[in-house]
Amino acid sequence: MNYGVLLSSLRKSRKISQADLSASITSQSALSRFEAGGEVYARNLISYLNKLNIHPTEFFMLAEDTDFIAQQNFNHRLQSGFVSKTDCEVLAKEEHSRYIETGNVLNLINAVHVQAVYAKIHALPLNDYQKDLEKVKQYLLSIDTWMMFEVTLYLDLLFIFDDSFINHQHHRMARSLQSLPFGTELRQGLSAAYGNNLIILDFERNNLLSLSQHINYLESTLSKNPRNLISSIRIDFYNKMFDLKKYYSDDVAIDALETLMILKKYHYVESYEDLKKFLFEHIPVSQYIKNQY
């Protein structure tokens, strides 16, 4: 459906006149021309939608923008491919074929993305993808400010990069996250996920030099949202794990586990079990204490 025709339909369904909708945004005649099939500046369209209390995603989905819908479908397939071997193989094969046909490196990157994350989740070797992974690295280095595609790609594939590359890209990633044209909540959520992935990687690599810095980064992403119970507890828990890495103490180990008990108390059982398992994998907690929790 034409965007102007759709906007006209939505406006009328809310019983809002052209004069009221265009007020303080454009002239009424400019809105009228757009609804009749003319052009409109993107910022004005967004302002119209905000005034109608309609999210831009809803609008474009209603307009049946096939490219937009195709991208949403691909994102769903990508997430499914991370956990399903069949879905992973089908999607990777399709994207590899498109890369061979078109030479578009983004198709190759999509294939590497799903294959590498699937391999990581299922503890499979990454040797088969090393040459292609280098192309992902080259692509990321070629772009100054990453948008959502690059941000999520880097976030998902963080584990494939060495510490030097991660340290050099940290400011670029942090800057890009803050520049994304989305609401504060989504930007903070992505920033928190990035910080959490950094910390997990530091523990896996026993990288104490970066660990404290990355815990502080994660904490800074949460400072504007103190009501996020799980994230706040993660910060406290990671700090205690950091102390345990430097010097093990039964008392500190018990303190870390008691911190996690707050999650269990408020019925975040899955988060409690995941973090407890993470502690036991990376800290030599005595069997006596393990038996208590």
Protein backbone atom coordinates (compact mmCIF):
# COMPACT_ATOMS: atom_id res chain seq x y z
CA MET A 1 0.00 0.00 0.00
CA ASN A 2 1.18 3.54 -0.77
CA TYR A 3 2.50 5.25 2.38
CA GLY A 4 0.40 8.37 1.87
CA VAL A 5 -2.79 6.37 1.32
CA LEU A 6 -2.07 4.33 4.46
CA LEU A 7 -1.42 7.45 6.53
CA SER A 8 -4.70 8.93 5.30
CA SER A 9 -6.55 5.77 6.31
CA LEU A 10 -4.99 5.71 9.76
CA ARG A 11 -5.64 9.41 10.29
CA LYS A 12 -9.29 9.04 9.39
CA SER A 13 -9.66 5.97 11.63
CA ARG A 14 -8.58 8.17 14.55
CA LYS A 15 -10.95 10.93 13.44
CA ILE A 16 -8.12 13.47 13.15
CA SER A 17 -8.34 16.17 10.50
CA GLN A 18 -5.52 17.06 8.13
CA ALA A 19 -5.30 20.45 9.80
CA ASP A 20 -4.83 18.93 13.27
CA LEU A 21 -2.32 16.31 12.14
CA SER A 22 -0.19 18.73 10.13
CA ALA A 23 -0.20 21.46 12.82
CA SER A 24 3.34 22.31 13.98
CA ILE A 25 4.78 19.76 11.51
CA THR A 26 4.01 20.87 7.94
CA SER A 27 1.41 22.84 6.08
CA GLN A 28 -1.96 21.16 5.57
CA SER A 29 -1.38 21.27 1.80
CA ALA A 30 1.91 19.34 2.20
CA LEU A 31 0.09 16.60 4.14
CA SER A 32 -2.70 16.57 1.55
CA ARG A 33 -0.18 16.11 -1.29
CA PHE A 34 1.49 13.23 0.55
CA GLU A 35 -1.83 11.47 1.20
CA ALA A 36 -2.62 11.85 -2.50
CA GLY A 37 0.56 9.96 -3.46
CA GLY A 38 3.21 12.65 -3.19
CA GLU A 39 6.58 12.69 -1.41
CA VAL A 40 7.33 13.48 2.22
CA TYR A 41 10.46 14.04 4.27
CA ALA A 42 11.19 11.11 6.56
CA ARG A 43 11.31 13.35 9.65
CA ASN A 44 7.84 14.70 8.84
CA LEU A 45 6.42 11.20 8.35
CA ILE A 46 7.84 10.17 11.73
CA SER A 47 6.30 13.28 13.30
CA TYR A 48 2.91 12.42 11.78
CA LEU A 49 3.14 8.88 13.17
CA ASN A 50 4.17 10.10 16.62
CA LYS A 51 1.17 12.39 16.68
CA LEU A 52 -1.06 9.45 15.72
CA ASN A 53 0.62 7.34 18.42
CA ILE A 54 1.69 4.75 15.83
CA HIS A 55 5.12 3.13 15.97
CA PRO A 56 7.04 3.37 12.66
CA THR A 57 7.52 -0.42 12.66
CA GLU A 58 3.75 -0.90 12.80
CA PHE A 59 3.30 1.56 9.96
CA PHE A 60 5.78 -0.09 7.60
CA MET A 61 4.46 -3.54 8.41
CA LEU A 62 0.93 -2.37 7.61
CA ALA A 63 2.21 -0.90 4.34
CA GLU A 64 3.39 -4.42 3.46
CA ASP A 65 6.86 -3.26 2.55
CA THR A 66 8.18 -6.57 1.21
CA ASP A 67 11.84 -5.66 1.84
CA PHE A 68 11.07 -4.75 5.44
CA ILE A 69 9.08 -7.93 6.01
CA ALA A 70 11.81 -10.00 4.36
CA GLN A 71 14.37 -8.53 6.76
CA GLN A 72 12.17 -9.36 9.74
CA ASN A 73 11.75 -12.91 8.46
CA PHE A 74 15.50 -13.26 7.98
CA ASN A 75 16.14 -12.12 11.56
CA HIS A 76 13.74 -14.80 12.82
CA ARG A 77 15.49 -17.44 10.70
CA LEU A 78 18.88 -16.28 11.98
CA GLN A 79 17.81 -16.69 15.60
CA SER A 80 16.38 -20.13 14.83
CA GLY A 81 19.60 -21.10 13.05
CA PHE A 82 21.61 -20.41 16.19
CA VAL A 83 19.97 -23.37 17.94
CA SER A 84 18.73 -25.69 15.17
CA LYS A 85 21.25 -27.62 13.08
CA THR A 86 18.82 -27.98 10.18
CA ASP A 87 17.86 -24.30 10.18
CA CYS A 88 21.52 -23.33 10.44
CA GLU A 89 22.55 -25.50 7.48
CA VAL A 90 19.66 -24.35 5.27
CA LEU A 91 20.22 -20.65 5.94
CA ALA A 92 24.01 -20.91 5.57
CA LYS A 93 23.65 -22.78 2.26
CA GLU A 94 21.21 -20.17 0.90
CA GLU A 95 23.48 -17.27 1.87
CA HIS A 96 26.60 -18.97 0.48
CA SER A 97 24.78 -19.56 -2.83
CA ARG A 98 23.74 -15.90 -3.01
CA TYR A 99 27.33 -14.87 -2.30
CA ILE A 100 28.59 -17.03 -5.19
CA GLU A 101 25.89 -15.63 -7.50
CA THR A 102 26.19 -11.95 -6.58
CA GLY A 103 29.60 -11.55 -4.94
CA ASN A 104 27.89 -9.57 -2.17
CA VAL A 105 30.06 -10.04 0.92
CA LEU A 106 27.05 -9.41 3.18
CA ASN A 107 25.61 -12.77 2.11
CA LEU A 108 28.86 -14.48 3.11
CA ILE A 109 28.81 -12.61 6.43
CA ASN A 110 25.24 -13.79 7.08
CA ALA A 111 26.34 -17.40 6.51
CA VAL A 112 29.35 -17.03 8.80
CA HIS A 113 27.17 -15.34 11.42
CA VAL A 114 24.73 -18.22 11.78
CA GLN A 115 27.39 -20.95 11.47
CA ALA A 116 29.78 -19.42 14.01
CA VAL A 117 27.12 -18.77 16.65
CA TYR A 118 25.70 -22.27 16.18
CA ALA A 119 29.21 -23.70 16.61
CA LYS A 120 29.79 -21.64 19.76
CA ILE A 121 26.49 -22.65 21.35
CA HIS A 122 27.09 -26.32 20.61
CA ALA A 123 30.82 -26.30 21.47
CA LEU A 124 31.91 -27.15 17.91
CA PRO A 125 35.27 -26.17 16.36
CA LEU A 126 35.51 -22.94 14.36
CA ASN A 127 38.47 -23.99 12.21
CA ASP A 128 36.35 -24.39 9.07
CA TYR A 129 35.34 -20.72 9.14
CA GLN A 130 38.66 -18.99 9.84
CA LYS A 131 39.11 -17.62 6.31
CA ASP A 132 35.54 -16.31 6.18
CA LEU A 133 35.77 -14.92 9.72
CA GLU A 134 38.65 -12.74 8.54
CA LYS A 135 36.29 -11.19 5.96
CA VAL A 136 33.85 -10.36 8.76
CA LYS A 137 36.69 -8.58 10.56
CA GLN A 138 37.67 -6.67 7.41
CA TYR A 139 34.06 -5.62 6.85
CA LEU A 140 33.72 -4.29 10.41
CA LEU A 141 37.00 -2.38 10.12
CA SER A 142 35.82 -0.73 6.91
CA ILE A 143 32.95 1.08 8.64
CA ASP A 144 33.45 4.00 11.03
CA THR A 145 30.12 3.98 12.86
CA TRP A 146 28.24 0.70 13.06
CA MET A 147 24.48 0.58 12.61
CA MET A 148 22.15 -2.17 13.87
CA PHE A 149 23.45 -4.79 11.43
CA GLU A 150 27.08 -4.30 12.45
CA VAL A 151 26.26 -3.86 16.17
CA THR A 152 24.35 -7.15 16.41
CA LEU A 153 26.92 -8.93 14.22
CA TYR A 154 29.78 -7.84 16.49
CA LEU A 155 27.75 -8.56 19.62
CA ASP A 156 26.98 -12.11 18.50
CA LEU A 157 30.49 -12.87 17.21
CA LEU A 158 32.50 -11.17 19.96
CA PHE A 159 33.92 -14.52 21.04
CA ILE A 160 35.76 -15.05 17.73
CA PHE A 161 37.96 -11.95 18.07
CA ASP A 162 41.23 -11.71 19.98
CA ASP A 163 41.63 -9.40 22.97
CA SER A 164 43.62 -6.82 21.02
CA PHE A 165 40.90 -6.43 18.39
CA ILE A 166 38.18 -6.20 21.05
CA ASN A 167 40.08 -3.53 22.99
CA HIS A 168 40.65 -1.47 19.85
CA GLN A 169 36.99 -1.67 18.82
CA HIS A 170 35.51 -0.94 22.25
CA HIS A 171 35.16 2.81 21.73
CA ARG A 172 33.71 2.31 18.26
CA MET A 173 31.13 -0.15 19.61
CA ALA A 174 30.21 2.05 22.58
CA ARG A 175 29.86 5.10 20.31
CA SER A 176 27.79 3.18 17.78
CA LEU A 177 25.45 1.84 20.46
CA GLN A 178 24.74 5.37 21.64
CA SER A 179 24.18 6.58 18.06
CA LEU A 180 21.54 4.02 17.12
CA PRO A 181 18.31 5.81 16.14
CA PHE A 182 16.15 3.91 18.63
CA GLY A 183 14.67 4.52 22.07
CA THR A 184 16.79 4.71 25.20
CA GLU A 185 15.54 1.37 26.50
CA LEU A 186 16.66 -0.56 23.40
CA ARG A 187 20.07 1.16 23.32
CA GLN A 188 20.61 0.42 27.01
CA GLY A 189 19.53 -3.18 26.51
CA LEU A 190 22.03 -3.69 23.68
CA SER A 191 24.76 -1.93 25.67
CA ALA A 192 24.08 -4.15 28.68
CA ALA A 193 24.17 -7.28 26.48
CA TYR A 194 27.50 -6.14 25.03
CA GLY A 195 28.95 -5.50 28.50
CA ASN A 196 27.70 -8.87 29.73
CA ASN A 197 29.29 -10.68 26.75
CA LEU A 198 32.60 -8.90 27.39
CA ILE A 199 32.62 -10.05 31.01
CA ILE A 200 31.78 -13.66 30.15
CA LEU A 201 34.61 -13.65 27.60
CA ASP A 202 37.03 -12.23 30.17
CA PHE A 203 36.21 -15.01 32.60
CA GLU A 204 36.54 -17.66 29.90
CA ARG A 205 39.96 -16.28 28.89
CA ASN A 206 41.02 -15.53 32.47
CA ASN A 207 41.58 -11.94 31.35
CA LEU A 208 41.73 -10.07 34.67
CA LEU A 209 43.27 -6.93 33.16
CA SER A 210 40.14 -6.17 31.14
CA LEU A 211 37.61 -7.66 33.56
CA SER A 212 37.42 -4.76 36.00
CA GLN A 213 37.10 -2.25 33.13
CA HIS A 214 34.31 -4.25 31.52
CA ILE A 215 32.41 -4.66 34.80
CA ASN A 216 32.55 -0.87 35.16
CA TYR A 217 31.29 -0.48 31.59
CA LEU A 218 28.35 -2.78 32.26
CA GLU A 219 27.56 -0.89 35.43
CA SER A 220 27.60 2.41 33.52
CA THR A 221 25.02 1.05 31.05
CA LEU A 222 22.68 0.23 33.93
CA SER A 223 23.05 3.41 35.93
CA LYS A 224 20.02 4.97 34.22
CA ASN A 225 17.84 1.95 34.92
CA PRO A 226 18.30 0.97 38.60
CA ARG A 227 15.05 -1.01 38.65
CA ASN A 228 16.52 -3.76 36.53
CA LEU A 229 16.93 -6.34 39.29
CA ILE A 230 18.69 -9.04 37.28
CA SER A 231 21.24 -6.68 35.77
CA SER A 232 21.97 -5.01 39.11
CA ILE A 233 22.56 -8.38 40.75
CA ARG A 234 24.80 -9.42 37.87
CA ILE A 235 27.03 -6.39 38.55
CA ASP A 236 27.39 -7.29 42.24
CA PHE A 237 27.91 -10.96 41.39
CA TYR A 238 30.58 -10.28 38.74
CA ASN A 239 32.48 -8.04 41.16
CA LYS A 240 32.52 -10.86 43.72
CA MET A 241 33.71 -13.30 41.05
CA PHE A 242 36.46 -10.85 40.17
CA ASP A 243 37.57 -10.85 43.83
CA LEU A 244 37.46 -14.65 43.87
CA LYS A 245 39.63 -14.81 40.76
CA LYS A 246 42.29 -12.75 42.51
CA TYR A 247 42.08 -14.58 45.84
CA TYR A 248 39.73 -17.42 46.64
CA SER A 249 37.82 -17.34 49.93
CA ASP A 250 34.93 -19.52 51.06
CA ASP A 251 33.31 -16.48 52.66
CA VAL A 252 33.35 -14.50 49.40
CA ALA A 253 32.07 -17.53 47.48
CA ILE A 254 29.17 -17.87 49.92
CA ASP A 255 28.52 -14.13 49.65
CA ALA A 256 28.34 -14.42 45.83
CA LEU A 257 25.88 -17.30 46.08
CA GLU A 258 23.76 -15.44 48.63
CA THR A 259 23.60 -12.55 46.15
CA LEU A 260 22.18 -14.96 43.58
CA MET A 261 19.59 -16.20 46.08
CA ILE A 262 17.80 -12.87 45.61
CA LEU A 263 17.02 -13.95 42.04
CA LYS A 264 15.62 -17.24 43.30
CA LYS A 265 13.55 -15.43 45.91
CA TYR A 266 11.87 -13.34 43.21
CA HIS A 267 11.33 -16.36 40.93
CA TYR A 268 14.11 -15.65 38.39
CA VAL A 269 15.11 -19.30 38.76
CA GLU A 270 16.63 -19.70 35.28
CA SER A 271 18.92 -16.70 35.78
CA TYR A 272 19.86 -18.01 39.22
CA GLU A 273 20.79 -21.44 37.86
CA ASP A 274 22.74 -20.02 34.90
CA LEU A 275 24.85 -17.71 37.05
CA LYS A 276 25.43 -20.36 39.71
CA LYS A 277 26.65 -22.75 36.99
CA PHE A 278 28.88 -19.99 35.60
CA LEU A 279 30.42 -19.49 39.07
CA PHE A 280 31.10 -23.19 39.57
CA GLU A 281 32.69 -23.46 36.10
CA HIS A 282 35.18 -20.64 36.65
CA ILE A 283 35.83 -20.60 40.39
CA PRO A 284 37.14 -23.61 42.41
CA VAL A 285 34.29 -23.52 44.94
CA SER A 286 34.58 -26.23 47.59
CA GLN A 287 32.22 -29.19 47.25
CA TYR A 288 30.84 -28.49 50.71
CA ILE A 289 29.58 -25.08 49.61
CA LYS A 290 28.28 -26.47 46.29
CA ASN A 291 26.20 -29.00 48.22
CA GLN A 292 24.58 -26.18 50.21
CA TYR A 293 23.37 -24.39 47.05
